[in-house]
């Protein structure tokens, strides 16, 4: 190797707040699809690491909190309404 960045020898380490901020700014500038270009601004982060950090942690469109199966909930509401309406026809 010539001392340049080698994505196969990247050591695992935590993201710093400065890296998070830089990643947010680069996504604003280049969009959330140019991961190779974005990764080129980091000394030892790969495009996959940047993509993963954005998609799983930093993306402001993420919905964080308890998971709710909205389809199951809607199905229960529909059944309840249907059940209640069936009694109204008998009155």
Protein backbone atom coordinates (compact mmCIF):
# COMPACT_ATOMS: atom_id res chain seq x y z
CA UNK A 1 0.00 0.00 0.00
CA UNK A 2 1.09 3.58 -0.60
CA UNK A 3 -0.24 4.96 2.71
CA UNK A 4 -3.52 6.16 1.17
CA UNK A 5 -6.90 5.33 2.65
CA UNK A 6 -7.65 1.60 2.49
CA UNK A 7 -11.31 0.81 3.10
CA UNK A 8 -10.46 -2.80 3.95
CA UNK A 9 -8.30 -1.79 6.92
CA UNK A 10 -10.71 0.65 8.56
CA UNK A 11 -10.78 0.34 12.34
CA UNK A 12 -14.14 0.51 14.08
CA UNK A 13 -14.60 3.57 16.26
CA UNK A 14 -17.41 5.80 17.42
CA UNK A 15 -18.55 8.74 15.31
CA UNK A 16 -17.60 12.07 16.83
CA UNK A 17 -20.03 14.99 17.08
CA UNK A 18 -17.83 16.85 14.57
CA UNK A 19 -18.11 13.98 12.07
CA UNK A 20 -21.88 13.87 12.54
CA UNK A 21 -22.13 17.58 11.82
CA UNK A 22 -19.86 17.29 8.79
CA UNK A 23 -21.94 14.39 7.46
CA UNK A 24 -25.15 16.40 7.84
CA UNK A 25 -23.62 19.33 5.95
CA UNK A 26 -22.30 17.09 3.16
CA UNK A 27 -25.69 15.39 2.75
CA UNK A 28 -27.27 18.85 2.51
CA UNK A 29 -24.75 19.81 -0.15
CA UNK A 30 -24.55 16.62 -2.23
CA UNK A 31 -27.78 14.81 -1.41
CA UNK A 32 -28.36 11.44 0.22
CA UNK A 33 -27.19 9.42 -2.79
CA UNK A 34 -23.59 10.49 -3.42
CA UNK A 35 -22.04 8.37 -0.67
CA UNK A 36 -18.67 7.79 -2.35
CA UNK A 37 -18.24 11.53 -2.82
CA UNK A 38 -19.35 12.24 0.74
CA UNK A 39 -17.00 9.59 2.15
CA UNK A 40 -14.09 11.18 0.28
CA UNK A 41 -14.31 14.13 2.71
CA UNK A 42 -13.59 11.82 5.66
CA UNK A 43 -10.12 10.49 6.32
CA UNK A 44 -11.20 7.03 7.48
CA UNK A 45 -14.89 6.51 6.74
CA UNK A 46 -16.28 4.43 3.89
CA UNK A 47 -19.31 5.20 1.77
CA UNK A 48 -21.15 2.35 3.50
CA UNK A 49 -20.35 3.77 6.94
CA UNK A 50 -21.60 7.22 5.92
CA UNK A 51 -24.77 5.77 4.39
CA UNK A 52 -25.46 3.69 7.48
CA UNK A 53 -24.84 6.59 9.87
CA UNK A 54 -27.21 8.80 7.89
CA UNK A 55 -29.97 6.24 7.43
CA UNK A 56 -29.95 4.81 10.94
CA UNK A 57 -29.00 7.77 13.13
CA UNK A 58 -28.86 11.27 11.61
CA UNK A 59 -31.64 11.46 9.02
CA UNK A 60 -34.21 13.95 10.39
CA UNK A 61 -37.00 11.99 8.66
CA UNK A 62 -36.43 9.03 10.99
CA UNK A 63 -39.31 8.28 13.29
CA UNK A 64 -37.80 7.43 16.65
CA UNK A 65 -39.77 5.86 19.44
CA UNK A 66 -41.83 2.77 20.06
CA UNK A 67 -42.81 0.83 16.97
CA UNK A 68 -46.52 0.70 16.18
CA UNK A 69 -48.08 -1.49 13.55
CA UNK A 70 -50.50 1.05 12.09
CA UNK A 71 -51.99 -1.46 9.68
CA UNK A 72 -52.94 -3.78 12.52
CA UNK A 73 -54.40 -0.84 14.45
CA UNK A 74 -56.43 0.30 11.42
CA UNK A 75 -57.68 -3.24 10.90
CA UNK A 76 -58.91 -3.37 14.51
CA UNK A 77 -60.69 -0.03 14.09
CA UNK A 78 -62.37 -1.22 10.88
CA UNK A 79 -63.56 -4.42 12.56
CA UNK A 80 -64.89 -2.51 15.56
CA UNK A 81 -66.83 -0.09 13.36
CA UNK A 82 -68.18 -2.93 11.27
CA UNK A 83 -69.22 -4.79 14.43
CA UNK A 84 -70.94 -1.70 15.87
CA UNK A 85 -72.76 -0.97 12.60
CA UNK A 86 -74.05 -4.55 12.43
CA UNK A 87 -75.88 -4.00 15.74
CA UNK A 88 -77.47 -0.78 14.51
CA UNK A 89 -79.18 -2.64 11.68
CA UNK A 90 -80.92 -4.90 14.25
CA UNK A 91 -82.40 -2.04 16.29
